Every structure is written in structure tokens, then in C-alpha cells.
Amino acid sequence: MRVSICIGSACHLKGSRQIIERLQGLVRQYGVAGKVDLNGAFCSGNCENGVCVTVDGELFSVQPENVDAFFEKEILGRL
């Protein structure tokens, strides 16, 4: 599974660094490093909706406060 996190300036200001760090921790915690490929991505043009995260090409808006719920539903739920 390919997960890309926008690291553009707008997403950076909205917490992309925190989201990346938390997702990395969750991938380790759940032992799914061999199944989940975390990558950085440039702007996807959806700046007004929070940090843009794509999972296998599907776009999501994630905030630091909902990253755990996002991971459980959209990452673990697809494995």
C-alpha cells in the first residue's frame, strides 16, 4: 500500500510533520512496515482542507488530532 503525505508549505503549517511522525510510529507499532510505504509528496492543490494524504491514489484530509482514527480506518482497514 502506498501512502503519500503532502509536504508543501500549506500542509507543513497545518501539521504535516506531526502527521508524518505519528504515522511512522503507528506503522512501527502495528508491525506493518512491509505492507505500508510512506512517502512525501508535493502539493496536491487541496490546501484549504488540511494536510493532504493519499492512500493508493485516494485523497484524504488529515489533521494531527485525527491521524490515529485515519490510520485505523484507512490504513489498517485496507490491510
PDB file of N, CA and C in Angstrom:
ATOM      1  N   MET A   1       0.843  -1.166   0.000  1.00  0.00           N
ATOM      2  CA  MET A   1       0.000   0.000   0.000  1.00  0.00           C
ATOM      3  C   MET A   1       0.887   1.226   0.000  1.00  0.00           C
ATOM      4  N   ARG A   2       0.575   2.159  -0.859  1.00  0.00           N
ATOM      5  CA  ARG A   2       1.359   3.388  -0.962  1.00  0.00           C
ATOM      6  C   ARG A   2       0.598   4.527  -0.288  1.00  0.00           C
ATOM      7  N   VAL A   3       1.243   5.177   0.683  1.00  0.00           N
ATOM      8  CA  VAL A   3       0.672   6.305   1.399  1.00  0.00           C
ATOM      9  C   VAL A   3       1.585   7.495   1.172  1.00  0.00           C
ATOM     10  N   SER A   4       1.052   8.572   0.599  1.00  0.00           N
ATOM     11  CA  SER A   4       1.828   9.779   0.346  1.00  0.00           C
ATOM     12  C   SER A   4       1.267  10.924   1.165  1.00  0.00           C
ATOM     13  N   ILE A   5       2.143  11.683   1.815  1.00  0.00           N
ATOM     14  CA  ILE A   5       1.764  12.793   2.673  1.00  0.00           C
ATOM     15  C   ILE A   5       2.319  14.068   2.080  1.00  0.00           C
ATOM     16  N   CYS A   6       1.438  15.031   1.867  1.00  0.00           N
ATOM     17  CA  CYS A   6       1.860  16.297   1.279  1.00  0.00           C
ATOM     18  C   CYS A   6       2.810  17.017   2.228  1.00  0.00           C
ATOM     19  N   ILE A   7       3.897  17.510   1.672  1.00  0.00           N
ATOM     20  CA  ILE A   7       4.856  18.246   2.492  1.00  0.00           C
ATOM     21  C   ILE A   7       5.036  19.667   1.974  1.00  0.00           C
ATOM     22  N   GLY A   8       4.042  20.153   1.223  1.00  0.00           N
ATOM     23  CA  GLY A   8       4.075  21.531   0.737  1.00  0.00           C
ATOM     24  C   GLY A   8       3.977  22.518   1.887  1.00  0.00           C
ATOM     25  N   SER A   9       4.151  23.792   1.601  1.00  0.00           N
ATOM     26  CA  SER A   9       4.209  24.803   2.659  1.00  0.00           C
ATOM     27  C   SER A   9       2.890  24.907   3.425  1.00  0.00           C
ATOM     28  N   ALA A  10       1.739  24.858   2.756  1.00  0.00           N
ATOM     29  CA  ALA A  10       0.455  24.949   3.457  1.00  0.00           C
ATOM     30  C   ALA A  10       0.263  23.742   4.378  1.00  0.00           C
ATOM     31  N   CYS A  11       0.569  22.553   3.881  1.00  0.00           N
ATOM     32  CA  CYS A  11       0.432  21.351   4.708  1.00  0.00           C
ATOM     33  C   CYS A  11       1.428  21.368   5.857  1.00  0.00           C
ATOM     34  N   HIS A  12       2.608  21.883   5.612  1.00  0.00           N
ATOM     35  CA  HIS A  12       3.606  21.983   6.681  1.00  0.00           C
ATOM     36  C   HIS A  12       3.058  22.841   7.820  1.00  0.00           C
ATOM     37  N   LEU A  13       2.428  23.955   7.492  1.00  0.00           N
ATOM     38  CA  LEU A  13       1.868  24.841   8.509  1.00  0.00           C
ATOM     39  C   LEU A  13       0.695  24.203   9.237  1.00  0.00           C
ATOM     40  N   LYS A  14       0.022  23.258   8.601  1.00  0.00           N
ATOM     41  CA  LYS A  14      -1.144  22.602   9.198  1.00  0.00           C
ATOM     42  C   LYS A  14      -0.786  21.310   9.922  1.00  0.00           C
ATOM     43  N   GLY A  15       0.499  20.978  10.014  1.00  0.00           N
ATOM     44  CA  GLY A  15       0.914  19.856  10.844  1.00  0.00           C
ATOM     45  C   GLY A  15       1.393  18.617  10.124  1.00  0.00           C
ATOM     46  N   SER A  16       1.840  18.742   8.877  1.00  0.00           N
ATOM     47  CA  SER A  16       2.276  17.543   8.158  1.00  0.00           C
ATOM     48  C   SER A  16       3.439  16.833   8.855  1.00  0.00           C
ATOM     49  N   ARG A  17       4.332  17.567   9.464  1.00  0.00           N
ATOM     50  CA  ARG A  17       5.459  16.952  10.177  1.00  0.00           C
ATOM     51  C   ARG A  17       4.944  16.063  11.313  1.00  0.00           C
ATOM     52  N   GLN A  18       3.992  16.575  12.089  1.00  0.00           N
ATOM     53  CA  GLN A  18       3.413  15.782  13.182  1.00  0.00           C
ATOM     54  C   GLN A  18       2.707  14.543  12.648  1.00  0.00           C
ATOM     55  N   ILE A  19       1.994  14.694  11.555  1.00  0.00           N
ATOM     56  CA  ILE A  19       1.261  13.570  10.967  1.00  0.00           C
ATOM     57  C   ILE A  19       2.234  12.515  10.459  1.00  0.00           C
ATOM     58  N   ILE A  20       3.287  12.944   9.798  1.00  0.00           N
ATOM     59  CA  ILE A  20       4.297  12.001   9.305  1.00  0.00           C
ATOM     60  C   ILE A  20       4.898  11.220  10.472  1.00  0.00           C
ATOM     61  N   GLU A  21       5.300  11.928  11.524  1.00  0.00           N
ATOM     62  CA  GLU A  21       5.917  11.266  12.677  1.00  0.00           C
ATOM     63  C   GLU A  21       4.953  10.286  13.333  1.00  0.00           C
ATOM     64  N   ARG A  22       3.683  10.677  13.453  1.00  0.00           N
ATOM     65  CA  ARG A  22       2.706   9.790  14.086  1.00  0.00           C
ATOM     66  C   ARG A  22       2.438   8.564  13.208  1.00  0.00           C
ATOM     67  N   LEU A  23       2.296   8.766  11.900  1.00  0.00           N
ATOM     68  CA  LEU A  23       2.080   7.629  11.001  1.00  0.00           C
ATOM     69  C   LEU A  23       3.260   6.672  11.038  1.00  0.00           C
ATOM     70  N   GLN A  24       4.481   7.211  11.076  1.00  0.00           N
ATOM     71  CA  GLN A  24       5.662   6.351  11.176  1.00  0.00           C
ATOM     72  C   GLN A  24       5.604   5.523  12.458  1.00  0.00           C
ATOM     73  N   GLY A  25       5.207   6.154  13.553  1.00  0.00           N
ATOM     74  CA  GLY A  25       5.091   5.448  14.817  1.00  0.00           C
ATOM     75  C   GLY A  25       4.007   4.376  14.784  1.00  0.00           C
ATOM     76  N   LEU A  26       2.881   4.672  14.170  1.00  0.00           N
ATOM     77  CA  LEU A  26       1.796   3.697  14.072  1.00  0.00           C
ATOM     78  C   LEU A  26       2.177   2.518  13.182  1.00  0.00           C
ATOM     79  N   VAL A  27       2.897   2.790  12.105  1.00  0.00           N
ATOM     80  CA  VAL A  27       3.369   1.707  11.231  1.00  0.00           C
ATOM     81  C   VAL A  27       4.275   0.774  12.025  1.00  0.00           C
ATOM     82  N   ARG A  28       5.174   1.337  12.817  1.00  0.00           N
ATOM     83  CA  ARG A  28       6.050   0.510  13.669  1.00  0.00           C
ATOM     84  C   ARG A  28       5.246  -0.236  14.731  1.00  0.00           C
ATOM     85  N   GLN A  29       4.358   0.482  15.397  1.00  0.00           N
ATOM     86  CA  GLN A  29       3.563  -0.097  16.483  1.00  0.00           C
ATOM     87  C   GLN A  29       2.756  -1.311  16.014  1.00  0.00           C
ATOM     88  N   TYR A  30       2.168  -1.220  14.837  1.00  0.00           N
ATOM     89  CA  TYR A  30       1.334  -2.299  14.318  1.00  0.00           C
ATOM     90  C   TYR A  30       2.114  -3.309  13.476  1.00  0.00           C
ATOM     91  N   GLY A  31       3.414  -3.075  13.293  1.00  0.00           N
ATOM     92  CA  GLY A  31       4.253  -4.016  12.567  1.00  0.00           C
ATOM     93  C   GLY A  31       3.876  -4.196  11.103  1.00  0.00           C
ATOM     94  N   VAL A  32       3.503  -3.101  10.452  1.00  0.00           N
ATOM     95  CA  VAL A  32       3.072  -3.192   9.057  1.00  0.00           C
ATOM     96  C   VAL A  32       4.040  -2.508   8.090  1.00  0.00           C
ATOM     97  N   ALA A  33       5.285  -2.341   8.516  1.00  0.00           N
ATOM     98  CA  ALA A  33       6.270  -1.644   7.685  1.00  0.00           C
ATOM     99  C   ALA A  33       6.460  -2.311   6.333  1.00  0.00           C
ATOM    100  N   GLY A  34       6.331  -3.610   6.260  1.00  0.00           N
ATOM    101  CA  GLY A  34       6.478  -4.310   4.990  1.00  0.00           C
ATOM    102  C   GLY A  34       5.281  -4.178   4.077  1.00  0.00           C
ATOM    103  N   LYS A  35       4.182  -3.657   4.614  1.00  0.00           N
ATOM    104  CA  LYS A  35       2.945  -3.538   3.841  1.00  0.00           C
ATOM    105  C   LYS A  35       2.576  -2.101   3.505  1.00  0.00           C
ATOM    106  N   VAL A  36       3.181  -1.144   4.220  1.00  0.00           N
ATOM    107  CA  VAL A  36       2.838   0.269   4.048  1.00  0.00           C
ATOM    108  C   VAL A  36       4.082   1.040   3.650  1.00  0.00           C
ATOM    109  N   ASP A  37       3.994   1.731   2.541  1.00  0.00           N
ATOM    110  CA  ASP A  37       5.094   2.530   2.015  1.00  0.00           C
ATOM    111  C   ASP A  37       4.751   4.007   2.218  1.00  0.00           C
ATOM    112  N   LEU A  38       5.369   4.654   3.227  1.00  0.00           N
ATOM    113  CA  LEU A  38       5.130   6.069   3.498  1.00  0.00           C
ATOM    114  C   LEU A  38       6.081   6.921   2.671  1.00  0.00           C
ATOM    115  N   ASN A  39       5.533   7.893   1.962  1.00  0.00           N
ATOM    116  CA  ASN A  39       6.332   8.784   1.122  1.00  0.00           C
ATOM    117  C   ASN A  39       5.856  10.218   1.277  1.00  0.00           C
ATOM    118  N   GLY A  40       6.749  11.143   1.025  1.00  0.00           N
ATOM    119  CA  GLY A  40       6.378  12.546   0.948  1.00  0.00           C
ATOM    120  C   GLY A  40       5.892  12.862  -0.455  1.00  0.00           C
ATOM    121  N   ALA A  41       5.064  13.881  -0.576  1.00  0.00           N
ATOM    122  CA  ALA A  41       4.537  14.291  -1.872  1.00  0.00           C
ATOM    123  C   ALA A  41       4.468  15.811  -1.930  1.00  0.00           C
ATOM    124  N   PHE A  42       4.509  16.333  -3.133  1.00  0.00           N
ATOM    125  CA  PHE A  42       4.359  17.775  -3.306  1.00  0.00           C
ATOM    126  C   PHE A  42       2.886  18.142  -3.282  1.00  0.00           C
ATOM    127  N   CYS A  43       2.581  19.395  -3.358  1.00  0.00           N
ATOM    128  CA  CYS A  43       1.226  19.918  -3.232  1.00  0.00           C
ATOM    129  C   CYS A  43       0.243  19.207  -4.160  1.00  0.00           C
ATOM    130  N   SER A  44      -0.911  18.860  -3.588  1.00  0.00           N
ATOM    131  CA  SER A  44      -1.968  18.234  -4.388  1.00  0.00           C
ATOM    132  C   SER A  44      -3.084  19.217  -4.701  1.00  0.00           C
ATOM    133  N   GLY A  45      -2.929  20.479  -4.280  1.00  0.00           N
ATOM    134  CA  GLY A  45      -3.887  21.521  -4.607  1.00  0.00           C
ATOM    135  C   GLY A  45      -5.151  21.499  -3.761  1.00  0.00           C
ATOM    136  N   ASN A  46      -5.111  20.884  -2.620  1.00  0.00           N
ATOM    137  CA  ASN A  46      -6.284  20.795  -1.753  1.00  0.00           C
ATOM    138  C   ASN A  46      -5.981  21.471  -0.413  1.00  0.00           C
ATOM    139  N   CYS A  47      -5.318  22.600  -0.472  1.00  0.00           N
ATOM    140  CA  CYS A  47      -4.735  23.241   0.705  1.00  0.00           C
ATOM    141  C   CYS A  47      -5.748  23.645   1.770  1.00  0.00           C
ATOM    142  N   GLU A  48      -6.947  24.005   1.391  1.00  0.00           N
ATOM    143  CA  GLU A  48      -7.922  24.504   2.362  1.00  0.00           C
ATOM    144  C   GLU A  48      -8.479  23.414   3.281  1.00  0.00           C
ATOM    145  N   ASN A  49      -8.221  22.146   2.960  1.00  0.00           N
ATOM    146  CA  ASN A  49      -8.829  21.053   3.712  1.00  0.00           C
ATOM    147  C   ASN A  49      -7.886  20.319   4.647  1.00  0.00           C
ATOM    148  N   GLY A  50      -6.819  20.921   5.060  1.00  0.00           N
ATOM    149  CA  GLY A  50      -5.898  20.249   5.971  1.00  0.00           C
ATOM    150  C   GLY A  50      -4.773  19.571   5.225  1.00  0.00           C
ATOM    151  N   VAL A  51      -4.051  18.734   5.905  1.00  0.00           N
ATOM    152  CA  VAL A  51      -2.916  18.032   5.316  1.00  0.00           C
ATOM    153  C   VAL A  51      -3.444  16.958   4.372  1.00  0.00           C
ATOM    154  N   CYS A  52      -2.951  16.977   3.158  1.00  0.00           N
ATOM    155  CA  CYS A  52      -3.396  16.023   2.142  1.00  0.00           C
ATOM    156  C   CYS A  52      -2.594  14.733   2.256  1.00  0.00           C
ATOM    157  N   VAL A  53      -3.317  13.632   2.359  1.00  0.00           N
ATOM    158  CA  VAL A  53      -2.711  12.312   2.424  1.00  0.00           C
ATOM    159  C   VAL A  53      -3.406  11.451   1.379  1.00  0.00           C
ATOM    160  N   THR A  54      -2.636  10.779   0.552  1.00  0.00           N
ATOM    161  CA  THR A  54      -3.244   9.869  -0.408  1.00  0.00           C
ATOM    162  C   THR A  54      -2.905   8.435  -0.022  1.00  0.00           C
ATOM    163  N   VAL A  55      -3.894   7.583  -0.170  1.00  0.00           N
ATOM    164  CA  VAL A  55      -3.737   6.160   0.079  1.00  0.00           C
ATOM    165  C   VAL A  55      -4.123   5.459  -1.217  1.00  0.00           C
ATOM    166  N   ASP A  56      -3.145   4.849  -1.852  1.00  0.00           N
ATOM    167  CA  ASP A  56      -3.359   4.190  -3.142  1.00  0.00           C
ATOM    168  C   ASP A  56      -4.111   5.092  -4.118  1.00  0.00           C
ATOM    169  N   GLY A  57      -3.724   6.372  -4.132  1.00  0.00           N
ATOM    170  CA  GLY A  57      -4.292   7.328  -5.076  1.00  0.00           C
ATOM    171  C   GLY A  57      -5.551   8.035  -4.603  1.00  0.00           C
ATOM    172  N   GLU A  58      -6.142   7.638  -3.495  1.00  0.00           N
ATOM    173  CA  GLU A  58      -7.347   8.283  -2.970  1.00  0.00           C
ATOM    174  C   GLU A  58      -6.952   9.369  -1.982  1.00  0.00           C
ATOM    175  N   LEU A  59      -7.482  10.572  -2.164  1.00  0.00           N
ATOM    176  CA  LEU A  59      -7.098  11.747  -1.383  1.00  0.00           C
ATOM    177  C   LEU A  59      -7.927  11.871  -0.104  1.00  0.00           C
ATOM    178  N   PHE A  60      -7.238  12.169   1.001  1.00  0.00           N
ATOM    179  CA  PHE A  60      -7.867  12.408   2.295  1.00  0.00           C
ATOM    180  C   PHE A  60      -7.281  13.672   2.894  1.00  0.00           C
ATOM    181  N   SER A  61      -8.056  14.337   3.735  1.00  0.00           N
ATOM    182  CA  SER A  61      -7.568  15.478   4.504  1.00  0.00           C
ATOM    183  C   SER A  61      -7.451  15.032   5.950  1.00  0.00           C
ATOM    184  N   VAL A  62      -6.262  15.198   6.523  1.00  0.00           N
ATOM    185  CA  VAL A  62      -5.977  14.694   7.864  1.00  0.00           C
ATOM    186  C   VAL A  62      -5.434  15.837   8.717  1.00  0.00           C
ATOM    187  N   GLN A  63      -5.847  15.856   9.976  1.00  0.00           N
ATOM    188  CA  GLN A  63      -5.315  16.809  10.935  1.00  0.00           C
ATOM    189  C   GLN A  63      -4.569  16.012  12.015  1.00  0.00           C
ATOM    190  N   PRO A  64      -3.628  16.660  12.703  1.00  0.00           N
ATOM    191  CA  PRO A  64      -2.893  15.941  13.750  1.00  0.00           C
ATOM    192  C   PRO A  64      -3.804  15.265  14.775  1.00  0.00           C
ATOM    193  N   GLU A  65      -4.935  15.880  15.074  1.00  0.00           N
ATOM    194  CA  GLU A  65      -5.818  15.311  16.095  1.00  0.00           C
ATOM    195  C   GLU A  65      -6.642  14.109  15.622  1.00  0.00           C
ATOM    196  N   ASN A  66      -6.699  13.839  14.306  1.00  0.00           N
ATOM    197  CA  ASN A  66      -7.467  12.673  13.852  1.00  0.00           C
ATOM    198  C   ASN A  66      -6.616  11.637  13.113  1.00  0.00           C
ATOM    199  N   VAL A  67      -5.306  11.751  13.218  1.00  0.00           N
ATOM    200  CA  VAL A  67      -4.428  10.845  12.475  1.00  0.00           C
ATOM    201  C   VAL A  67      -4.566   9.393  12.946  1.00  0.00           C
ATOM    202  N   ASP A  68      -4.779   9.162  14.226  1.00  0.00           N
ATOM    203  CA  ASP A  68      -4.928   7.792  14.717  1.00  0.00           C
ATOM    204  C   ASP A  68      -6.186   7.139  14.135  1.00  0.00           C
ATOM    205  N   ALA A  69      -7.301   7.856  14.154  1.00  0.00           N
ATOM    206  CA  ALA A  69      -8.552   7.327  13.599  1.00  0.00           C
ATOM    207  C   ALA A  69      -8.404   7.099  12.098  1.00  0.00           C
ATOM    208  N   PHE A  70      -7.730   8.023  11.406  1.00  0.00           N
ATOM    209  CA  PHE A  70      -7.480   7.862   9.976  1.00  0.00           C
ATOM    210  C   PHE A  70      -6.678   6.592   9.727  1.00  0.00           C
ATOM    211  N   PHE A  71      -5.617   6.377  10.496  1.00  0.00           N
ATOM    212  CA  PHE A  71      -4.763   5.200  10.317  1.00  0.00           C
ATOM    213  C   PHE A  71      -5.562   3.913  10.514  1.00  0.00           C
ATOM    214  N   GLU A  72      -6.341   3.866  11.580  1.00  0.00           N
ATOM    215  CA  GLU A  72      -7.124   2.665  11.862  1.00  0.00           C
ATOM    216  C   GLU A  72      -8.116   2.361  10.743  1.00  0.00           C
ATOM    217  N   LYS A  73      -8.805   3.388  10.264  1.00  0.00           N
ATOM    218  CA  LYS A  73      -9.834   3.173   9.243  1.00  0.00           C
ATOM    219  C   LYS A  73      -9.249   2.968   7.853  1.00  0.00           C
ATOM    220  N   GLU A  74      -8.394   3.877   7.431  1.00  0.00           N
ATOM    221  CA  GLU A  74      -7.958   3.882   6.041  1.00  0.00           C
ATOM    222  C   GLU A  74      -6.702   3.070   5.752  1.00  0.00           C
ATOM    223  N   ILE A  75      -5.875   2.832   6.764  1.00  0.00           N
ATOM    224  CA  ILE A  75      -4.672   2.012   6.546  1.00  0.00           C
ATOM    225  C   ILE A  75      -4.931   0.581   7.031  1.00  0.00           C
ATOM    226  N   LEU A  76      -5.166   0.442   8.330  1.00  0.00           N
ATOM    227  CA  LEU A  76      -5.406  -0.902   8.850  1.00  0.00           C
ATOM    228  C   LEU A  76      -6.646  -1.535   8.231  1.00  0.00           C
ATOM    229  N   GLY A  77      -7.652  -0.719   7.977  1.00  0.00           N
ATOM    230  CA  GLY A  77      -8.884  -1.226   7.387  1.00  0.00           C
ATOM    231  C   GLY A  77      -8.717  -1.770   5.977  1.00  0.00           C
ATOM    232  N   ARG A  78      -7.630  -1.420   5.309  1.00  0.00           N
ATOM    233  CA  ARG A  78      -7.375  -1.893   3.939  1.00  0.00           C
ATOM    234  C   ARG A  78      -6.398  -3.063   3.888  1.00  0.00           C
ATOM    235  N   LEU A  79      -5.757  -3.361   5.002  1.00  0.00           N
ATOM    236  CA  LEU A  79      -4.760  -4.443   5.004  1.00  0.00           C
ATOM    237  C   LEU A  79      -5.412  -5.803   5.233  1.00  0.00           C
TER     238      LEU A  79
END
